[in-house]
N, C-alpha and C. Protein backbone atom coordinates (compact mmCIF):
# COMPACT_ATOMS: atom_id res chain seq x y z
N ASP A 1 0.82 -1.21 0.00
CA ASP A 1 0.00 0.00 0.00
C ASP A 1 0.86 1.26 0.00
N GLY A 2 2.16 1.12 -0.21
CA GLY A 2 3.04 2.28 -0.26
C GLY A 2 3.40 2.84 1.10
N MET A 3 3.01 2.18 2.15
CA MET A 3 3.29 2.65 3.51
C MET A 3 4.45 1.86 4.09
N TRP A 4 5.07 2.42 5.12
CA TRP A 4 6.17 1.77 5.83
C TRP A 4 5.66 1.31 7.19
N TYR A 5 6.22 0.20 7.66
CA TYR A 5 5.89 -0.33 8.99
C TYR A 5 7.18 -0.72 9.67
N LEU A 6 7.35 -0.34 10.91
CA LEU A 6 8.53 -0.73 11.67
C LEU A 6 8.14 -1.93 12.52
N VAL A 7 9.04 -2.87 12.66
CA VAL A 7 8.76 -4.07 13.45
C VAL A 7 9.79 -4.16 14.57
N ALA A 8 9.29 -4.24 15.81
CA ALA A 8 10.15 -4.38 16.98
C ALA A 8 9.60 -5.51 17.83
N ASP A 9 10.44 -6.47 18.14
CA ASP A 9 10.04 -7.62 18.96
C ASP A 9 8.80 -8.31 18.38
N GLY A 10 8.75 -8.36 17.04
CA GLY A 10 7.65 -9.04 16.37
C GLY A 10 6.36 -8.25 16.29
N ARG A 11 6.35 -7.01 16.80
CA ARG A 11 5.15 -6.17 16.75
C ARG A 11 5.32 -5.12 15.67
N GLU A 12 4.30 -4.95 14.85
CA GLU A 12 4.32 -3.99 13.76
C GLU A 12 3.80 -2.64 14.24
N SER A 13 4.48 -1.56 13.84
CA SER A 13 4.06 -0.21 14.22
C SER A 13 2.87 0.24 13.38
N GLN A 14 2.35 1.39 13.72
CA GLN A 14 1.35 2.03 12.88
C GLN A 14 2.02 2.37 11.55
N ALA A 15 1.23 2.51 10.52
CA ALA A 15 1.77 2.84 9.20
C ALA A 15 2.36 4.25 9.21
N CYS A 16 3.44 4.43 8.44
CA CYS A 16 4.02 5.75 8.24
C CYS A 16 4.33 5.91 6.75
N THR A 17 4.46 7.16 6.32
CA THR A 17 4.69 7.41 4.91
C THR A 17 6.15 7.28 4.51
N SER A 18 7.05 7.42 5.51
CA SER A 18 8.48 7.31 5.22
C SER A 18 9.26 7.09 6.51
N VAL A 19 10.48 6.64 6.33
CA VAL A 19 11.46 6.56 7.42
C VAL A 19 12.66 7.36 6.93
N LEU A 20 13.02 8.39 7.69
CA LEU A 20 14.09 9.28 7.25
C LEU A 20 15.44 8.58 7.29
N ALA A 21 16.07 8.48 6.14
CA ALA A 21 17.38 7.83 6.03
C ALA A 21 18.39 8.50 6.96
N GLY A 22 19.16 7.69 7.65
CA GLY A 22 20.19 8.21 8.53
C GLY A 22 19.71 8.69 9.88
N SER A 23 18.41 8.52 10.17
CA SER A 23 17.89 9.02 11.44
C SER A 23 17.85 7.98 12.55
N ILE A 24 18.24 6.75 12.26
CA ILE A 24 18.13 5.69 13.26
C ILE A 24 19.21 5.84 14.33
N ALA A 25 18.77 5.72 15.60
CA ALA A 25 19.67 5.79 16.74
C ALA A 25 19.34 4.63 17.67
N PHE A 26 20.35 4.10 18.33
CA PHE A 26 20.15 2.99 19.25
C PHE A 26 20.54 3.41 20.66
N ALA A 27 19.70 3.02 21.62
CA ALA A 27 20.01 3.28 23.03
C ALA A 27 21.16 2.39 23.45
N PRO A 28 21.99 2.85 24.38
CA PRO A 28 23.09 2.01 24.85
C PRO A 28 22.58 0.85 25.70
N GLY A 29 23.34 -0.21 25.73
CA GLY A 29 23.02 -1.32 26.61
C GLY A 29 22.46 -2.53 25.91
N LYS A 30 22.33 -3.58 26.66
CA LYS A 30 21.82 -4.86 26.16
C LYS A 30 20.33 -4.73 25.87
N GLY A 31 19.88 -5.33 24.79
CA GLY A 31 18.47 -5.23 24.43
C GLY A 31 18.09 -3.81 24.06
N ALA A 32 19.01 -3.11 23.39
CA ALA A 32 18.83 -1.70 23.08
C ALA A 32 17.59 -1.44 22.24
N VAL A 33 16.98 -0.31 22.48
CA VAL A 33 15.84 0.11 21.68
C VAL A 33 16.34 0.95 20.52
N ALA A 34 15.52 1.05 19.48
CA ALA A 34 15.87 1.83 18.30
C ALA A 34 14.87 2.96 18.14
N ALA A 35 15.37 4.12 17.75
CA ALA A 35 14.52 5.28 17.48
C ALA A 35 14.83 5.79 16.08
N CYS A 36 13.82 6.32 15.40
CA CYS A 36 14.04 6.92 14.08
C CYS A 36 12.93 7.94 13.81
N VAL A 37 13.18 8.78 12.83
CA VAL A 37 12.21 9.79 12.41
C VAL A 37 11.34 9.19 11.33
N VAL A 38 10.01 9.29 11.51
CA VAL A 38 9.06 8.77 10.52
C VAL A 38 8.16 9.89 10.02
N GLY A 39 7.82 9.79 8.75
CA GLY A 39 6.85 10.72 8.17
C GLY A 39 5.45 10.18 8.38
N ILE A 40 4.55 11.07 8.78
CA ILE A 40 3.15 10.70 8.96
C ILE A 40 2.30 11.83 8.39
N ALA A 41 1.02 11.58 8.21
CA ALA A 41 0.14 12.63 7.72
C ALA A 41 0.23 13.83 8.66
N GLY A 42 0.55 14.97 8.13
CA GLY A 42 0.61 16.18 8.95
C GLY A 42 1.96 16.51 9.54
N GLY A 43 3.01 15.72 9.27
CA GLY A 43 4.32 16.06 9.80
C GLY A 43 5.24 14.88 9.98
N VAL A 44 6.07 14.97 11.02
CA VAL A 44 7.02 13.92 11.35
C VAL A 44 6.98 13.65 12.85
N SER A 45 7.48 12.48 13.24
CA SER A 45 7.49 12.07 14.63
C SER A 45 8.69 11.16 14.86
N VAL A 46 9.07 10.98 16.11
CA VAL A 46 10.09 10.01 16.45
C VAL A 46 9.38 8.73 16.88
N ASP A 47 9.74 7.64 16.25
CA ASP A 47 9.19 6.32 16.58
C ASP A 47 10.24 5.56 17.37
N VAL A 48 9.85 5.06 18.53
CA VAL A 48 10.75 4.27 19.36
C VAL A 48 10.13 2.90 19.53
N ASP A 49 10.73 1.92 18.86
CA ASP A 49 10.24 0.53 18.92
C ASP A 49 8.74 0.43 18.70
N GLY A 50 8.21 1.20 17.73
CA GLY A 50 6.80 1.11 17.38
C GLY A 50 5.89 2.07 18.09
N SER A 51 6.40 2.86 19.02
CA SER A 51 5.59 3.87 19.71
C SER A 51 6.02 5.25 19.25
N ARG A 52 5.04 6.11 18.97
CA ARG A 52 5.33 7.43 18.43
C ARG A 52 5.23 8.52 19.47
N GLY A 53 6.08 9.52 19.28
CA GLY A 53 6.04 10.72 20.11
C GLY A 53 5.18 11.79 19.45
N PRO A 54 5.29 13.02 19.91
CA PRO A 54 4.51 14.13 19.36
C PRO A 54 4.84 14.38 17.88
N VAL A 55 3.93 15.05 17.20
CA VAL A 55 4.10 15.38 15.78
C VAL A 55 4.66 16.79 15.66
N TYR A 56 5.66 16.94 14.79
CA TYR A 56 6.30 18.23 14.53
C TYR A 56 6.31 18.49 13.03
N ASP A 57 6.62 19.75 12.67
CA ASP A 57 6.77 20.09 11.25
C ASP A 57 8.05 19.48 10.69
N VAL A 58 9.12 19.56 11.48
CA VAL A 58 10.44 19.07 11.08
C VAL A 58 11.15 18.56 12.32
N ILE A 59 11.90 17.48 12.18
CA ILE A 59 12.84 17.04 13.21
C ILE A 59 14.22 17.17 12.59
N LEU A 60 15.06 17.96 13.21
CA LEU A 60 16.35 18.31 12.61
C LEU A 60 17.32 17.13 12.64
N THR A 61 17.74 16.72 11.44
CA THR A 61 18.67 15.61 11.32
C THR A 61 19.80 15.93 10.35
N ARG A 62 19.85 17.13 9.84
CA ARG A 62 20.91 17.52 8.92
C ARG A 62 21.96 18.36 9.63
N LYS A 63 23.14 18.36 9.09
CA LYS A 63 24.24 19.18 9.61
C LYS A 63 24.46 18.95 11.11
N GLY A 64 24.46 17.69 11.50
CA GLY A 64 24.77 17.35 12.89
C GLY A 64 23.56 17.09 13.77
N GLY A 65 22.36 17.43 13.32
CA GLY A 65 21.17 17.15 14.12
C GLY A 65 20.89 15.65 14.13
N LYS A 66 20.47 15.12 15.29
CA LYS A 66 20.18 13.70 15.38
C LYS A 66 19.45 13.39 16.66
N ILE A 67 18.94 12.19 16.76
CA ILE A 67 18.37 11.68 18.00
C ILE A 67 19.54 11.24 18.87
N VAL A 68 19.60 11.72 20.11
CA VAL A 68 20.71 11.41 21.00
C VAL A 68 20.17 10.73 22.25
N PHE A 69 20.65 9.52 22.51
CA PHE A 69 20.28 8.83 23.75
C PHE A 69 21.21 9.29 24.85
N ASP A 70 20.62 9.82 25.93
CA ASP A 70 21.38 10.26 27.10
C ASP A 70 21.63 9.10 28.05
N SER A 71 20.77 8.09 27.98
CA SER A 71 20.89 6.87 28.78
C SER A 71 20.06 5.81 28.05
N ALA A 72 19.95 4.64 28.63
CA ALA A 72 19.16 3.58 28.00
C ALA A 72 17.67 3.91 28.00
N SER A 73 17.25 4.91 28.80
CA SER A 73 15.81 5.21 28.90
C SER A 73 15.46 6.67 28.65
N ALA A 74 16.39 7.48 28.15
CA ALA A 74 16.11 8.89 27.89
C ALA A 74 16.86 9.35 26.64
N PHE A 75 16.20 10.20 25.86
CA PHE A 75 16.82 10.73 24.65
C PHE A 75 16.32 12.13 24.38
N HIS A 76 17.00 12.84 23.46
CA HIS A 76 16.56 14.18 23.08
C HIS A 76 16.87 14.42 21.60
N TYR A 77 16.20 15.45 21.06
CA TYR A 77 16.39 15.84 19.67
C TYR A 77 15.86 17.26 19.48
N LEU A 78 16.18 17.87 18.35
CA LEU A 78 15.68 19.20 18.02
C LEU A 78 14.53 19.07 17.02
N ALA A 79 13.47 19.85 17.25
CA ALA A 79 12.30 19.80 16.38
C ALA A 79 11.80 21.22 16.10
N VAL A 80 11.05 21.35 15.03
CA VAL A 80 10.46 22.63 14.66
C VAL A 80 8.95 22.46 14.60
N ARG A 81 8.25 23.40 15.24
CA ARG A 81 6.79 23.47 15.16
C ARG A 81 6.44 24.93 14.94
N GLY A 82 5.88 25.21 13.75
CA GLY A 82 5.62 26.61 13.40
C GLY A 82 6.93 27.37 13.30
N SER A 83 7.04 28.48 14.03
CA SER A 83 8.28 29.25 14.02
C SER A 83 9.17 28.95 15.22
N ASP A 84 8.81 27.95 16.01
CA ASP A 84 9.57 27.59 17.21
C ASP A 84 10.51 26.42 16.95
N VAL A 85 11.75 26.55 17.44
CA VAL A 85 12.71 25.45 17.44
C VAL A 85 12.74 24.93 18.88
N LEU A 86 12.50 23.64 19.05
CA LEU A 86 12.35 23.04 20.37
C LEU A 86 13.42 21.99 20.62
N MET A 87 13.92 21.93 21.85
CA MET A 87 14.76 20.82 22.27
C MET A 87 13.83 19.89 23.05
N VAL A 88 13.58 18.72 22.48
CA VAL A 88 12.61 17.78 23.04
C VAL A 88 13.35 16.69 23.78
N SER A 89 12.97 16.46 25.04
CA SER A 89 13.53 15.37 25.85
C SER A 89 12.41 14.39 26.13
N GLU A 90 12.68 13.12 25.93
CA GLU A 90 11.68 12.09 26.20
C GLU A 90 12.29 10.99 27.06
N LYS A 91 11.44 10.39 27.90
CA LYS A 91 11.85 9.24 28.71
C LYS A 91 11.02 8.06 28.29
N LEU A 92 11.66 6.91 28.21
CA LEU A 92 10.97 5.69 27.84
C LEU A 92 10.31 5.10 29.08
N THR A 93 9.11 4.57 28.89
CA THR A 93 8.44 3.90 29.99
C THR A 93 8.67 2.40 29.85
N PRO A 94 8.87 1.73 30.97
CA PRO A 94 9.15 0.28 30.90
C PRO A 94 7.99 -0.52 30.37
C-alpha cells in the first residue's frame, strides 16, 4: 500500500509514509531500543520501537542534528513546530 511499517520484537508499528534515512539511533546497553524519524500525515514524529512521540513540522537531522540517547531510557532531539525550534527530551516507559 506504499506505507512503511517498523517491526520491533515481532510487533508492527502504525503505518508511516516514510522513514528518514540516517535518522536511526540505538540506546546504549543490552536489548537496546531503536529510534528513528518517521513521516506521517501532517508532519514527522520520532518512533521508538513502534511507539510514536509528538508530531512536529520538522525534526532536525541535517548538519549534525540527530536523536541522541542520554541513557538507556532517555533521549533528546531538536524539532520545529511553526516558528519555534524546540529541544525535546523524552523518557521511555518500561
